[in-house]
């Protein structure tokens, strides 16, 4: 599925739709350049799950947990992860294979740790379409296997 975003509101709304449809145990890998809108998308997912508290990028603590929504949201930002041992230290497996929803920013940095059945969300800028334009591609495991 491809979603065109013409500003933060659209990116937030796309995330909110994902959050409303999320099921327990789902892992979303979120990939995009710096400033692409990964955190805005995540804020939308949180809103779709019913999270009321502010959601920010957890760059320094690596993981932020939000438990007051319809499902727990485990928000990872692995930009500063040096190796798999750091993920082991925070017990990532308990979250990836738990009953909440995991959203992993910069997931392309830890491809070997992601569950095979994760949902890939790629956010891309296109300066030719405007400063605020984003192309958001959501790919299920089935889509990835089919090479879509």
N, C-alpha and C. Protein backbone atom coordinates (compact mmCIF):
# COMPACT_ATOMS: atom_id res chain seq x y z
N UNK A 1 0.85 -1.16 0.00
CA UNK A 1 0.00 0.00 0.00
C UNK A 1 0.91 1.24 0.00
N UNK A 2 0.57 2.21 -0.82
CA UNK A 2 1.32 3.46 -0.88
C UNK A 2 0.39 4.60 -0.50
N UNK A 3 0.87 5.44 0.40
CA UNK A 3 0.12 6.61 0.87
C UNK A 3 0.93 7.84 0.53
N UNK A 4 0.30 8.83 -0.07
CA UNK A 4 0.98 10.09 -0.33
C UNK A 4 0.64 11.06 0.78
N UNK A 5 1.67 11.68 1.32
CA UNK A 5 1.51 12.66 2.39
C UNK A 5 2.00 14.01 1.87
N UNK A 6 1.18 15.03 2.09
CA UNK A 6 1.54 16.37 1.65
C UNK A 6 1.84 17.28 2.84
N UNK A 7 1.99 16.68 4.02
CA UNK A 7 2.32 17.44 5.21
C UNK A 7 2.22 16.57 6.45
N UNK A 8 2.62 17.13 7.58
CA UNK A 8 2.62 16.38 8.83
C UNK A 8 1.25 15.81 9.16
N UNK A 9 0.19 16.55 8.86
CA UNK A 9 -1.15 16.08 9.17
C UNK A 9 -1.44 14.75 8.45
N UNK A 10 -1.06 14.65 7.18
CA UNK A 10 -1.27 13.41 6.42
C UNK A 10 -0.43 12.27 6.98
N UNK A 11 0.82 12.57 7.34
CA UNK A 11 1.71 11.55 7.89
C UNK A 11 1.16 11.04 9.22
N UNK A 12 0.70 11.95 10.06
CA UNK A 12 0.09 11.59 11.34
C UNK A 12 -1.15 10.72 11.09
N UNK A 13 -2.01 11.13 10.15
CA UNK A 13 -3.24 10.39 9.85
C UNK A 13 -2.93 8.98 9.35
N UNK A 14 -1.88 8.83 8.54
CA UNK A 14 -1.49 7.50 8.07
C UNK A 14 -1.09 6.62 9.25
N UNK A 15 -0.31 7.18 10.17
CA UNK A 15 0.08 6.44 11.37
C UNK A 15 -1.12 6.09 12.23
N UNK A 16 -2.04 7.04 12.36
CA UNK A 16 -3.23 6.81 13.18
C UNK A 16 -4.05 5.64 12.63
N UNK A 17 -4.16 5.56 11.31
CA UNK A 17 -4.87 4.44 10.69
C UNK A 17 -4.19 3.11 11.02
N UNK A 18 -2.87 3.08 10.96
CA UNK A 18 -2.12 1.87 11.31
C UNK A 18 -2.39 1.51 12.77
N UNK A 19 -2.35 2.50 13.66
CA UNK A 19 -2.59 2.25 15.08
C UNK A 19 -3.98 1.69 15.35
N UNK A 20 -4.98 2.20 14.64
CA UNK A 20 -6.35 1.71 14.84
C UNK A 20 -6.50 0.27 14.38
N UNK A 21 -5.71 -0.13 13.37
CA UNK A 21 -5.81 -1.48 12.83
C UNK A 21 -4.82 -2.47 13.46
N UNK A 22 -3.92 -1.97 14.30
CA UNK A 22 -2.87 -2.81 14.89
C UNK A 22 -3.46 -3.90 15.79
N UNK A 23 -2.77 -5.03 15.77
CA UNK A 23 -3.17 -6.17 16.59
C UNK A 23 -2.03 -6.55 17.53
N UNK A 24 -2.35 -7.24 18.61
CA UNK A 24 -1.30 -7.65 19.56
C UNK A 24 -0.21 -8.45 18.86
N UNK A 25 1.03 -8.15 19.22
CA UNK A 25 2.16 -8.89 18.70
C UNK A 25 2.71 -8.40 17.38
N UNK A 26 2.12 -7.36 16.82
CA UNK A 26 2.63 -6.86 15.54
C UNK A 26 3.89 -6.02 15.75
N UNK A 27 4.82 -6.18 14.81
CA UNK A 27 6.06 -5.41 14.80
C UNK A 27 6.11 -4.65 13.49
N UNK A 28 6.30 -3.34 13.61
CA UNK A 28 6.41 -2.47 12.45
C UNK A 28 7.83 -1.95 12.38
N UNK A 29 8.49 -2.17 11.26
CA UNK A 29 9.82 -1.60 11.06
C UNK A 29 9.64 -0.31 10.28
N UNK A 30 10.20 0.76 10.79
CA UNK A 30 10.01 2.08 10.22
C UNK A 30 11.35 2.58 9.68
N UNK A 31 11.38 2.83 8.37
CA UNK A 31 12.62 3.19 7.71
C UNK A 31 12.43 4.50 6.96
N UNK A 32 13.42 5.38 7.08
CA UNK A 32 13.38 6.65 6.36
C UNK A 32 14.54 7.52 6.77
N UNK A 33 14.89 8.46 5.92
CA UNK A 33 15.99 9.36 6.21
C UNK A 33 15.68 10.23 7.43
N UNK A 34 16.71 10.85 7.95
CA UNK A 34 16.56 11.81 9.04
C UNK A 34 15.60 12.90 8.59
N UNK A 35 14.60 13.18 9.40
CA UNK A 35 13.63 14.22 9.08
C UNK A 35 12.53 13.81 8.12
N UNK A 36 12.43 12.51 7.83
CA UNK A 36 11.42 12.03 6.89
C UNK A 36 10.01 12.04 7.48
N UNK A 37 9.91 11.96 8.80
CA UNK A 37 8.60 11.95 9.44
C UNK A 37 8.31 10.69 10.24
N UNK A 38 9.34 9.94 10.58
CA UNK A 38 9.15 8.70 11.33
C UNK A 38 8.49 8.95 12.69
N UNK A 39 8.92 10.00 13.38
CA UNK A 39 8.35 10.27 14.70
C UNK A 39 6.91 10.78 14.58
N UNK A 40 6.61 11.59 13.58
CA UNK A 40 5.23 12.05 13.36
C UNK A 40 4.33 10.86 13.06
N UNK A 41 4.81 9.95 12.23
CA UNK A 41 4.05 8.73 11.92
C UNK A 41 3.80 7.95 13.21
N UNK A 42 4.84 7.81 14.03
CA UNK A 42 4.73 7.08 15.30
C UNK A 42 3.72 7.75 16.23
N UNK A 43 3.71 9.07 16.26
CA UNK A 43 2.73 9.79 17.08
C UNK A 43 1.31 9.47 16.61
N UNK A 44 1.13 9.31 15.30
CA UNK A 44 -0.16 8.92 14.77
C UNK A 44 -0.54 7.51 15.19
N UNK A 45 0.42 6.59 15.13
CA UNK A 45 0.17 5.20 15.58
C UNK A 45 -0.28 5.22 17.04
N UNK A 46 0.44 5.98 17.85
CA UNK A 46 0.09 6.08 19.28
C UNK A 46 -1.34 6.60 19.45
N UNK A 47 -1.69 7.63 18.70
CA UNK A 47 -3.05 8.18 18.80
C UNK A 47 -4.08 7.12 18.39
N UNK A 48 -3.77 6.36 17.34
CA UNK A 48 -4.67 5.30 16.90
C UNK A 48 -4.84 4.20 17.93
N UNK A 49 -3.83 4.02 18.77
CA UNK A 49 -3.91 3.04 19.85
C UNK A 49 -4.56 3.62 21.11
N UNK A 50 -4.81 4.92 21.12
CA UNK A 50 -5.42 5.55 22.29
C UNK A 50 -4.43 6.06 23.31
N UNK A 51 -3.16 6.18 22.94
CA UNK A 51 -2.15 6.72 23.85
C UNK A 51 -2.39 8.22 23.98
N UNK A 52 -2.49 8.71 25.20
CA UNK A 52 -2.78 10.12 25.44
C UNK A 52 -1.54 10.96 25.76
N UNK A 53 -0.50 10.31 26.28
CA UNK A 53 0.68 11.08 26.67
C UNK A 53 1.53 11.45 25.46
N UNK A 54 2.36 12.48 25.58
CA UNK A 54 3.20 12.90 24.44
C UNK A 54 4.16 11.78 24.01
N UNK A 55 4.32 11.64 22.72
CA UNK A 55 5.21 10.63 22.15
C UNK A 55 6.34 11.34 21.43
N UNK A 56 7.55 11.07 21.88
CA UNK A 56 8.74 11.66 21.27
C UNK A 56 9.68 10.54 20.85
N UNK A 57 10.66 10.89 20.04
CA UNK A 57 11.63 9.90 19.62
C UNK A 57 12.48 9.48 20.82
N UNK A 58 12.59 8.18 21.07
CA UNK A 58 13.36 7.71 22.23
C UNK A 58 14.84 7.51 21.92
N UNK A 59 15.43 8.41 21.14
CA UNK A 59 16.80 8.23 20.65
C UNK A 59 17.79 7.86 21.74
N UNK A 60 17.77 8.53 22.87
CA UNK A 60 18.78 8.23 23.88
C UNK A 60 18.42 7.04 24.74
N UNK A 61 17.17 6.88 25.20
CA UNK A 61 16.88 5.67 25.97
C UNK A 61 16.65 4.43 25.10
N UNK A 62 16.61 4.56 23.78
CA UNK A 62 16.40 3.48 22.80
C UNK A 62 14.96 2.97 22.81
N UNK A 63 14.34 2.85 23.96
CA UNK A 63 12.98 2.30 24.06
C UNK A 63 12.12 3.19 24.94
N UNK A 64 10.92 3.45 24.46
CA UNK A 64 9.91 4.17 25.24
C UNK A 64 8.67 3.28 25.27
N UNK A 65 8.11 3.08 26.44
CA UNK A 65 6.95 2.20 26.61
C UNK A 65 5.73 3.05 26.96
N UNK A 66 4.64 2.82 26.24
CA UNK A 66 3.37 3.50 26.49
C UNK A 66 2.33 2.41 26.73
N UNK A 67 1.80 2.35 27.94
CA UNK A 67 0.91 1.23 28.29
C UNK A 67 -0.55 1.60 28.47
N UNK A 68 -0.92 2.87 28.35
CA UNK A 68 -2.29 3.23 28.67
C UNK A 68 -3.23 3.22 27.48
N UNK A 69 -2.80 2.78 26.30
CA UNK A 69 -3.67 2.71 25.13
C UNK A 69 -4.42 1.39 25.06
N UNK A 70 -5.08 1.19 23.94
CA UNK A 70 -5.81 -0.06 23.67
C UNK A 70 -4.89 -1.26 23.75
N UNK A 71 -3.66 -1.08 23.29
CA UNK A 71 -2.59 -2.07 23.39
C UNK A 71 -1.33 -1.33 23.82
N UNK A 72 -0.41 -2.00 24.51
CA UNK A 72 0.86 -1.33 24.83
C UNK A 72 1.61 -1.01 23.54
N UNK A 73 2.29 0.13 23.52
CA UNK A 73 3.13 0.52 22.39
C UNK A 73 4.57 0.54 22.87
N UNK A 74 5.41 -0.20 22.18
CA UNK A 74 6.84 -0.24 22.46
C UNK A 74 7.55 0.45 21.31
N UNK A 75 8.04 1.64 21.57
CA UNK A 75 8.63 2.50 20.54
C UNK A 75 10.15 2.47 20.67
N UNK A 76 10.79 1.83 19.70
CA UNK A 76 12.25 1.73 19.66
C UNK A 76 12.81 2.74 18.67
N UNK A 77 13.95 3.31 19.00
CA UNK A 77 14.74 4.08 18.05
C UNK A 77 16.14 3.51 18.14
N UNK A 78 16.53 2.74 17.12
CA UNK A 78 17.79 2.00 17.19
C UNK A 78 18.92 2.71 16.44
N UNK A 79 18.76 3.99 16.17
CA UNK A 79 19.76 4.75 15.43
C UNK A 79 21.15 4.65 16.05
N UNK A 80 21.21 4.65 17.37
CA UNK A 80 22.50 4.64 18.06
C UNK A 80 22.95 3.25 18.53
N UNK A 81 22.27 2.22 18.09
CA UNK A 81 22.65 0.85 18.48
C UNK A 81 23.96 0.50 17.80
N UNK A 82 24.91 0.04 18.59
CA UNK A 82 26.20 -0.35 18.03
C UNK A 82 26.24 -1.79 17.57
N UNK A 83 25.56 -2.67 18.31
CA UNK A 83 25.54 -4.07 17.92
C UNK A 83 24.35 -4.76 18.59
N UNK A 84 24.14 -6.01 18.22
CA UNK A 84 22.99 -6.77 18.71
C UNK A 84 23.00 -6.94 20.22
N UNK A 85 24.18 -6.93 20.83
CA UNK A 85 24.26 -7.09 22.29
C UNK A 85 23.50 -5.99 23.02
N UNK A 86 23.52 -4.78 22.49
CA UNK A 86 22.79 -3.68 23.13
C UNK A 86 21.29 -3.96 23.11
N UNK A 87 20.80 -4.55 22.05
CA UNK A 87 19.38 -4.90 21.99
C UNK A 87 19.08 -6.03 22.98
N UNK A 88 20.00 -6.98 23.10
CA UNK A 88 19.83 -8.06 24.07
C UNK A 88 19.73 -7.49 25.49
N UNK A 89 20.56 -6.49 25.77
CA UNK A 89 20.58 -5.89 27.11
C UNK A 89 19.25 -5.27 27.51
N UNK A 90 18.51 -4.75 26.55
CA UNK A 90 17.21 -4.16 26.89
C UNK A 90 16.07 -5.17 26.78
N UNK A 91 16.41 -6.41 26.42
CA UNK A 91 15.41 -7.46 26.37
C UNK A 91 14.42 -7.30 25.22
N UNK A 92 14.92 -6.91 24.06
CA UNK A 92 14.05 -6.63 22.91
C UNK A 92 13.13 -7.79 22.57
N UNK A 93 13.57 -9.03 22.77
CA UNK A 93 12.75 -10.18 22.40
C UNK A 93 11.44 -10.21 23.17
N UNK A 94 11.46 -9.78 24.43
CA UNK A 94 10.23 -9.74 25.23
C UNK A 94 9.21 -8.81 24.60
N UNK A 95 9.68 -7.75 23.96
CA UNK A 95 8.79 -6.79 23.32
C UNK A 95 8.38 -7.26 21.93
N UNK A 96 9.36 -7.72 21.12
CA UNK A 96 9.08 -8.14 19.75
C UNK A 96 8.09 -9.30 19.71
N UNK A 97 8.15 -10.19 20.70
CA UNK A 97 7.28 -11.34 20.71
C UNK A 97 6.28 -11.27 21.86
N UNK A 98 5.95 -10.05 22.27
CA UNK A 98 4.99 -9.83 23.35
C UNK A 98 3.60 -9.57 22.81
N UNK A 99 2.75 -9.05 23.67
CA UNK A 99 1.35 -8.82 23.33
C UNK A 99 1.05 -7.38 22.93
N UNK A 100 2.07 -6.53 22.91
CA UNK A 100 1.87 -5.15 22.51
C UNK A 100 2.17 -4.95 21.04
N UNK A 101 2.32 -3.69 20.66
CA UNK A 101 2.67 -3.31 19.30
C UNK A 101 4.06 -2.69 19.36
N UNK A 102 4.98 -3.18 18.54
CA UNK A 102 6.33 -2.63 18.48
C UNK A 102 6.48 -1.79 17.22
N UNK A 103 7.06 -0.63 17.39
CA UNK A 103 7.39 0.21 16.26
C UNK A 103 8.87 0.53 16.38
N UNK A 104 9.65 0.17 15.37
CA UNK A 104 11.10 0.27 15.43
C UNK A 104 11.59 1.28 14.39
N UNK A 105 11.99 2.46 14.86
CA UNK A 105 12.58 3.45 13.95
C UNK A 105 14.01 3.04 13.63
N UNK A 106 14.44 3.28 12.39
CA UNK A 106 15.76 2.93 11.88
C UNK A 106 15.95 1.42 11.87
N UNK A 107 14.87 0.69 11.62
CA UNK A 107 14.90 -0.77 11.68
C UNK A 107 15.86 -1.38 10.67
N UNK A 108 16.20 -0.65 9.62
CA UNK A 108 17.14 -1.19 8.64
C UNK A 108 18.53 -1.40 9.23
N UNK A 109 18.78 -0.88 10.42
CA UNK A 109 20.07 -1.07 11.09
C UNK A 109 20.15 -2.39 11.85
N UNK A 110 19.01 -3.05 12.05
CA UNK A 110 19.00 -4.32 12.79
C UNK A 110 18.18 -5.39 12.04
N UNK A 111 18.41 -5.58 10.75
CA UNK A 111 17.55 -6.49 9.98
C UNK A 111 17.54 -7.92 10.50
N UNK A 112 18.63 -8.39 11.06
CA UNK A 112 18.70 -9.77 11.53
C UNK A 112 17.94 -10.00 12.83
N UNK A 113 17.59 -8.94 13.53
CA UNK A 113 16.87 -9.09 14.80
C UNK A 113 15.35 -9.02 14.63
N UNK A 114 14.91 -8.49 13.51
CA UNK A 114 13.46 -8.31 13.30
C UNK A 114 12.78 -9.65 13.05
N UNK A 115 11.57 -9.81 13.58
CA UNK A 115 10.82 -11.02 13.26
C UNK A 115 10.56 -11.09 11.75
N UNK A 116 10.56 -12.27 11.22
CA UNK A 116 10.34 -12.45 9.79
C UNK A 116 9.00 -11.83 9.35
N UNK A 117 8.02 -11.86 10.23
CA UNK A 117 6.67 -11.40 9.89
C UNK A 117 6.42 -9.92 10.21
N UNK A 118 7.47 -9.11 10.32
CA UNK A 118 7.26 -7.69 10.61
C UNK A 118 6.66 -6.98 9.40
N UNK A 119 6.04 -5.84 9.64
CA UNK A 119 5.47 -5.01 8.60
C UNK A 119 6.43 -3.85 8.35
N UNK A 120 6.87 -3.70 7.12
CA UNK A 120 7.82 -2.65 6.76
C UNK A 120 7.08 -1.39 6.35
N UNK A 121 7.47 -0.27 6.97
CA UNK A 121 6.93 1.03 6.59
C UNK A 121 8.11 1.91 6.19
N UNK A 122 8.10 2.31 4.94
CA UNK A 122 9.18 3.15 4.40
C UNK A 122 8.61 4.54 4.11
N UNK A 123 9.29 5.57 4.66
CA UNK A 123 8.87 6.95 4.42
C UNK A 123 9.98 7.62 3.62
N UNK A 124 9.61 8.13 2.45
CA UNK A 124 10.59 8.72 1.55
C UNK A 124 10.20 10.16 1.19
N UNK A 125 11.19 11.02 1.17
CA UNK A 125 11.01 12.39 0.70
C UNK A 125 11.15 12.38 -0.82
N UNK A 126 10.53 13.37 -1.45
CA UNK A 126 10.71 13.59 -2.88
C UNK A 126 10.70 15.10 -3.10
N UNK A 127 11.89 15.72 -3.08
CA UNK A 127 11.97 17.18 -3.21
C UNK A 127 11.29 17.72 -4.46
N UNK A 128 11.22 16.92 -5.52
CA UNK A 128 10.55 17.37 -6.74
C UNK A 128 9.05 17.56 -6.54
N UNK A 129 8.49 16.89 -5.53
CA UNK A 129 7.05 16.99 -5.23
C UNK A 129 6.76 18.02 -4.15
N UNK A 130 7.80 18.60 -3.56
CA UNK A 130 7.62 19.62 -2.54
C UNK A 130 8.31 19.26 -1.24
N UNK A 131 8.61 20.27 -0.45
CA UNK A 131 9.33 20.08 0.81
C UNK A 131 8.60 19.16 1.77
N UNK A 132 7.27 19.24 1.83
CA UNK A 132 6.49 18.47 2.78
C UNK A 132 6.00 17.13 2.24
N UNK A 133 6.26 16.84 0.98
CA UNK A 133 5.76 15.60 0.38
C UNK A 133 6.51 14.39 0.93
N UNK A 134 5.74 13.32 1.23
CA UNK A 134 6.31 12.05 1.64
C UNK A 134 5.55 10.93 0.95
N UNK A 135 6.29 9.91 0.55
CA UNK A 135 5.67 8.68 0.02
C UNK A 135 5.83 7.64 1.12
N UNK A 136 4.72 7.15 1.64
CA UNK A 136 4.72 6.18 2.73
C UNK A 136 4.29 4.83 2.14
N UNK A 137 5.19 3.87 2.18
CA UNK A 137 4.92 2.54 1.64
C UNK A 137 4.80 1.56 2.80
N UNK A 138 3.69 0.86 2.86
CA UNK A 138 3.46 -0.14 3.90
C UNK A 138 3.48 -1.50 3.21
N UNK A 139 4.42 -2.35 3.66
CA UNK A 139 4.57 -3.66 3.03
C UNK A 139 4.43 -4.77 4.05
N UNK A 140 3.46 -5.64 3.83
CA UNK A 140 3.29 -6.80 4.69
C UNK A 140 4.39 -7.81 4.37
N UNK A 141 4.57 -8.81 5.22
CA UNK A 141 5.55 -9.86 4.91
C UNK A 141 5.25 -10.53 3.56
N UNK A 142 3.98 -10.71 3.27
CA UNK A 142 3.57 -11.32 2.00
C UNK A 142 4.00 -10.43 0.82
N UNK A 143 3.80 -9.11 0.95
CA UNK A 143 4.23 -8.17 -0.11
C UNK A 143 5.73 -8.25 -0.34
N UNK A 144 6.49 -8.32 0.77
CA UNK A 144 7.95 -8.37 0.63
C UNK A 144 8.39 -9.66 -0.05
N UNK A 145 7.75 -10.77 0.30
CA UNK A 145 8.10 -12.05 -0.33
C UNK A 145 7.78 -12.04 -1.83
N UNK A 146 6.71 -11.33 -2.20
CA UNK A 146 6.31 -11.24 -3.60
C UNK A 146 7.16 -10.21 -4.36
N UNK A 147 7.98 -9.47 -3.62
CA UNK A 147 8.84 -8.46 -4.26
C UNK A 147 8.12 -7.21 -4.68
N UNK A 148 7.01 -6.90 -4.03
CA UNK A 148 6.24 -5.69 -4.37
C UNK A 148 6.89 -4.46 -3.83
